Amino acid sequence: MVRRKRDSSRPRAPAGGAAALVGARLRQVRAARGLSQSQIGAPYYGRQAISAVELGRSLPSLRMLCHLARRLGVSVRELIPADLPAEKGIAATH
């Protein structure tokens, strides 16, 4: 497997804002269930990907949110805080 260097021109989610809120909520739900990052990510997402979301460094895709919600036994809506600010790429429908 060839590892590609991260494209620095690719935008990253800002620290804070929606990414931080979603990440904090994910960590809260995961910790309450006593699961590790590896457990909730398996088999599709690695610990590093889950960590990046929890730290607010990246926003999860809808596919990732669905997977995580299923692994945690919650709805996707439960992983998205009600006070989520509107940001590019995120549509809050509460």
N, C-alpha and C. Protein backbone atom coordinates (compact mmCIF):
# COMPACT_ATOMS: atom_id res chain seq x y z
N MET A 1 0.84 -1.17 0.00
CA MET A 1 0.00 0.00 0.00
C MET A 1 0.89 1.23 0.00
N VAL A 2 0.62 2.14 -0.88
CA VAL A 2 1.38 3.37 -0.98
C VAL A 2 0.67 4.45 -0.19
N ARG A 3 1.39 5.07 0.70
CA ARG A 3 0.81 6.18 1.47
C ARG A 3 1.04 7.47 0.73
N ARG A 4 -0.03 8.21 0.58
CA ARG A 4 0.09 9.50 -0.09
C ARG A 4 0.25 10.59 0.93
N LYS A 5 1.03 11.56 0.61
CA LYS A 5 1.22 12.70 1.47
C LYS A 5 -0.06 13.53 1.46
N ARG A 6 -0.42 14.06 2.62
CA ARG A 6 -1.63 14.86 2.73
C ARG A 6 -1.50 16.12 1.87
N ASP A 7 -2.54 16.39 1.12
CA ASP A 7 -2.57 17.57 0.27
C ASP A 7 -2.86 18.78 1.16
N SER A 8 -1.86 19.65 1.35
CA SER A 8 -2.02 20.79 2.24
C SER A 8 -2.97 21.84 1.68
N SER A 9 -3.31 21.75 0.40
CA SER A 9 -4.25 22.70 -0.17
C SER A 9 -5.70 22.31 0.12
N ARG A 10 -5.90 21.07 0.57
CA ARG A 10 -7.23 20.60 0.89
C ARG A 10 -7.69 21.26 2.19
N PRO A 11 -8.87 21.89 2.18
CA PRO A 11 -9.31 22.58 3.39
C PRO A 11 -9.59 21.62 4.53
N ARG A 12 -9.25 22.02 5.72
CA ARG A 12 -9.54 21.25 6.92
C ARG A 12 -10.60 21.99 7.69
N ALA A 13 -11.34 21.27 8.49
CA ALA A 13 -12.33 21.91 9.34
C ALA A 13 -11.62 22.77 10.37
N PRO A 14 -12.15 23.94 10.65
CA PRO A 14 -11.51 24.80 11.64
C PRO A 14 -11.61 24.20 13.03
N ALA A 15 -10.58 24.46 13.84
CA ALA A 15 -10.64 24.04 15.24
C ALA A 15 -11.72 24.89 15.89
N GLY A 16 -12.64 24.28 16.53
CA GLY A 16 -13.77 25.01 17.09
C GLY A 16 -14.95 24.91 16.15
N GLY A 17 -16.02 25.57 16.46
CA GLY A 17 -17.19 25.55 15.59
C GLY A 17 -17.85 24.19 15.56
N ALA A 18 -18.44 23.87 14.42
CA ALA A 18 -19.21 22.64 14.27
C ALA A 18 -18.38 21.39 14.51
N ALA A 19 -17.15 21.38 13.99
CA ALA A 19 -16.30 20.19 14.14
C ALA A 19 -16.05 19.89 15.61
N ALA A 20 -15.77 20.91 16.39
CA ALA A 20 -15.51 20.72 17.82
C ALA A 20 -16.75 20.23 18.56
N LEU A 21 -17.92 20.77 18.20
CA LEU A 21 -19.16 20.36 18.87
C LEU A 21 -19.52 18.92 18.55
N VAL A 22 -19.41 18.54 17.28
CA VAL A 22 -19.71 17.17 16.88
C VAL A 22 -18.71 16.22 17.54
N GLY A 23 -17.44 16.60 17.54
CA GLY A 23 -16.41 15.76 18.15
C GLY A 23 -16.61 15.56 19.64
N ALA A 24 -16.96 16.64 20.34
CA ALA A 24 -17.19 16.54 21.78
C ALA A 24 -18.38 15.64 22.08
N ARG A 25 -19.42 15.76 21.26
CA ARG A 25 -20.61 14.91 21.46
C ARG A 25 -20.28 13.45 21.19
N LEU A 26 -19.52 13.20 20.14
CA LEU A 26 -19.12 11.82 19.82
C LEU A 26 -18.33 11.22 20.98
N ARG A 27 -17.36 11.96 21.48
CA ARG A 27 -16.54 11.47 22.60
C ARG A 27 -17.41 11.19 23.82
N GLN A 28 -18.37 12.08 24.10
CA GLN A 28 -19.25 11.92 25.25
C GLN A 28 -20.06 10.63 25.15
N VAL A 29 -20.66 10.40 23.99
CA VAL A 29 -21.48 9.20 23.80
C VAL A 29 -20.61 7.94 23.83
N ARG A 30 -19.46 8.00 23.19
CA ARG A 30 -18.56 6.84 23.16
C ARG A 30 -18.09 6.48 24.57
N ALA A 31 -17.67 7.48 25.34
CA ALA A 31 -17.17 7.24 26.69
C ALA A 31 -18.28 6.69 27.60
N ALA A 32 -19.50 7.20 27.43
CA ALA A 32 -20.63 6.72 28.24
C ALA A 32 -20.90 5.24 28.00
N ARG A 33 -20.56 4.76 26.83
CA ARG A 33 -20.78 3.35 26.50
C ARG A 33 -19.55 2.50 26.75
N GLY A 34 -18.46 3.13 27.17
CA GLY A 34 -17.24 2.39 27.50
C GLY A 34 -16.56 1.75 26.31
N LEU A 35 -16.67 2.39 25.14
CA LEU A 35 -16.08 1.83 23.93
C LEU A 35 -14.83 2.62 23.53
N SER A 36 -13.93 1.95 22.84
CA SER A 36 -12.71 2.61 22.36
C SER A 36 -12.96 3.21 20.97
N GLN A 37 -12.07 4.08 20.56
CA GLN A 37 -12.14 4.66 19.22
C GLN A 37 -12.03 3.56 18.18
N SER A 38 -11.17 2.60 18.41
CA SER A 38 -11.02 1.49 17.46
C SER A 38 -12.29 0.67 17.35
N GLN A 39 -12.96 0.45 18.46
CA GLN A 39 -14.18 -0.35 18.45
C GLN A 39 -15.30 0.31 17.66
N ILE A 40 -15.47 1.61 17.82
CA ILE A 40 -16.58 2.25 17.10
C ILE A 40 -16.25 2.49 15.64
N GLY A 41 -14.98 2.57 15.31
CA GLY A 41 -14.59 2.81 13.92
C GLY A 41 -14.56 1.56 13.07
N ALA A 42 -14.28 0.43 13.70
CA ALA A 42 -14.09 -0.82 12.96
C ALA A 42 -15.35 -1.21 12.20
N PRO A 43 -15.24 -1.80 11.07
CA PRO A 43 -14.02 -2.14 10.32
C PRO A 43 -13.63 -1.09 9.28
N TYR A 44 -14.39 0.00 9.18
CA TYR A 44 -14.18 0.94 8.09
C TYR A 44 -13.29 2.13 8.42
N TYR A 45 -13.25 2.54 9.68
CA TYR A 45 -12.51 3.74 10.06
C TYR A 45 -11.52 3.40 11.17
N GLY A 46 -10.32 3.91 11.05
CA GLY A 46 -9.29 3.66 12.04
C GLY A 46 -9.39 4.58 13.24
N ARG A 47 -8.64 4.24 14.26
CA ARG A 47 -8.60 5.04 15.48
C ARG A 47 -8.21 6.48 15.19
N GLN A 48 -7.29 6.66 14.24
CA GLN A 48 -6.82 8.01 13.91
C GLN A 48 -7.95 8.87 13.33
N ALA A 49 -8.78 8.28 12.51
CA ALA A 49 -9.90 9.02 11.92
C ALA A 49 -10.91 9.43 12.99
N ILE A 50 -11.18 8.53 13.91
CA ILE A 50 -12.12 8.83 14.99
C ILE A 50 -11.53 9.91 15.91
N SER A 51 -10.24 9.80 16.18
CA SER A 51 -9.57 10.79 17.01
C SER A 51 -9.64 12.18 16.39
N ALA A 52 -9.42 12.26 15.08
CA ALA A 52 -9.47 13.55 14.38
C ALA A 52 -10.84 14.19 14.51
N VAL A 53 -11.88 13.38 14.44
CA VAL A 53 -13.25 13.90 14.59
C VAL A 53 -13.46 14.36 16.03
N GLU A 54 -13.09 13.52 17.00
CA GLU A 54 -13.30 13.87 18.40
C GLU A 54 -12.53 15.13 18.80
N LEU A 55 -11.39 15.35 18.21
CA LEU A 55 -10.58 16.52 18.53
C LEU A 55 -11.03 17.77 17.75
N GLY A 56 -12.03 17.62 16.89
CA GLY A 56 -12.53 18.75 16.12
C GLY A 56 -11.63 19.13 14.96
N ARG A 57 -10.76 18.21 14.55
CA ARG A 57 -9.85 18.48 13.43
C ARG A 57 -10.49 18.19 12.08
N SER A 58 -11.54 17.38 12.08
CA SER A 58 -12.23 17.09 10.82
C SER A 58 -13.71 16.84 11.09
N LEU A 59 -14.50 17.11 10.10
CA LEU A 59 -15.93 16.84 10.17
C LEU A 59 -16.18 15.46 9.57
N PRO A 60 -16.98 14.64 10.23
CA PRO A 60 -17.27 13.33 9.67
C PRO A 60 -18.25 13.45 8.50
N SER A 61 -18.10 12.55 7.54
CA SER A 61 -19.05 12.50 6.43
C SER A 61 -20.36 11.92 6.96
N LEU A 62 -21.41 12.05 6.17
CA LEU A 62 -22.68 11.45 6.55
C LEU A 62 -22.53 9.94 6.68
N ARG A 63 -21.78 9.35 5.79
CA ARG A 63 -21.55 7.91 5.85
C ARG A 63 -20.88 7.52 7.17
N MET A 64 -19.87 8.31 7.56
CA MET A 64 -19.17 8.03 8.82
C MET A 64 -20.11 8.23 10.00
N LEU A 65 -20.90 9.29 9.99
CA LEU A 65 -21.86 9.52 11.08
C LEU A 65 -22.84 8.36 11.20
N CYS A 66 -23.33 7.86 10.09
CA CYS A 66 -24.25 6.72 10.11
C CYS A 66 -23.59 5.49 10.72
N HIS A 67 -22.35 5.23 10.31
CA HIS A 67 -21.61 4.09 10.84
C HIS A 67 -21.41 4.23 12.35
N LEU A 68 -20.97 5.40 12.78
CA LEU A 68 -20.70 5.62 14.21
C LEU A 68 -21.98 5.51 15.03
N ALA A 69 -23.06 6.09 14.52
CA ALA A 69 -24.34 6.00 15.23
C ALA A 69 -24.77 4.55 15.40
N ARG A 70 -24.62 3.76 14.34
CA ARG A 70 -24.98 2.35 14.40
C ARG A 70 -24.14 1.62 15.44
N ARG A 71 -22.82 1.87 15.42
CA ARG A 71 -21.92 1.21 16.37
C ARG A 71 -22.22 1.62 17.82
N LEU A 72 -22.67 2.86 18.00
CA LEU A 72 -22.96 3.36 19.35
C LEU A 72 -24.39 3.09 19.79
N GLY A 73 -25.24 2.64 18.88
CA GLY A 73 -26.62 2.35 19.23
C GLY A 73 -27.47 3.59 19.44
N VAL A 74 -27.16 4.66 18.69
CA VAL A 74 -27.91 5.90 18.79
C VAL A 74 -28.30 6.35 17.38
N SER A 75 -29.14 7.37 17.31
CA SER A 75 -29.47 7.93 16.01
C SER A 75 -28.39 8.94 15.61
N VAL A 76 -28.30 9.21 14.33
CA VAL A 76 -27.36 10.23 13.84
C VAL A 76 -27.68 11.56 14.50
N ARG A 77 -28.93 11.86 14.66
CA ARG A 77 -29.36 13.12 15.28
C ARG A 77 -28.79 13.28 16.69
N GLU A 78 -28.64 12.18 17.40
CA GLU A 78 -28.07 12.24 18.75
C GLU A 78 -26.59 12.60 18.75
N LEU A 79 -25.92 12.41 17.64
CA LEU A 79 -24.51 12.76 17.55
C LEU A 79 -24.28 14.20 17.11
N ILE A 80 -25.35 14.86 16.67
CA ILE A 80 -25.23 16.24 16.20
C ILE A 80 -25.88 17.14 17.24
N PRO A 81 -25.10 17.97 17.91
CA PRO A 81 -25.67 18.85 18.95
C PRO A 81 -26.76 19.76 18.39
N ALA A 82 -27.78 20.01 19.19
CA ALA A 82 -28.89 20.85 18.77
C ALA A 82 -28.46 22.29 18.50
N ASP A 83 -27.41 22.74 19.18
CA ASP A 83 -26.96 24.13 19.03
C ASP A 83 -25.83 24.24 18.01
N LEU A 84 -25.78 23.32 17.08
CA LEU A 84 -24.74 23.31 16.06
C LEU A 84 -24.86 24.55 15.18
N PRO A 85 -23.78 25.35 15.08
CA PRO A 85 -23.84 26.54 14.23
C PRO A 85 -23.83 26.15 12.75
N ALA A 86 -24.49 26.93 11.93
CA ALA A 86 -24.51 26.67 10.50
C ALA A 86 -23.14 26.99 9.93
N GLU A 87 -22.53 26.04 9.24
CA GLU A 87 -21.24 26.22 8.60
C GLU A 87 -21.31 25.61 7.22
N LYS A 88 -20.40 25.99 6.38
CA LYS A 88 -20.34 25.44 5.04
C LYS A 88 -20.20 23.93 5.12
N GLY A 89 -21.08 23.24 4.42
CA GLY A 89 -21.01 21.79 4.39
C GLY A 89 -21.89 21.10 5.43
N ILE A 90 -22.53 21.89 6.30
CA ILE A 90 -23.37 21.30 7.32
C ILE A 90 -24.72 21.99 7.30
N ALA A 91 -25.76 21.21 7.23
CA ALA A 91 -27.11 21.77 7.29
C ALA A 91 -27.80 21.20 8.50
N ALA A 92 -28.07 22.03 9.47
CA ALA A 92 -28.77 21.60 10.68
C ALA A 92 -30.26 21.63 10.39
N THR A 93 -30.94 20.53 10.65
CA THR A 93 -32.38 20.44 10.38
C THR A 93 -33.15 20.09 11.63
N HIS A 94 -32.94 20.83 12.68
CA HIS A 94 -33.64 20.56 13.94
C HIS A 94 -34.89 21.36 14.01
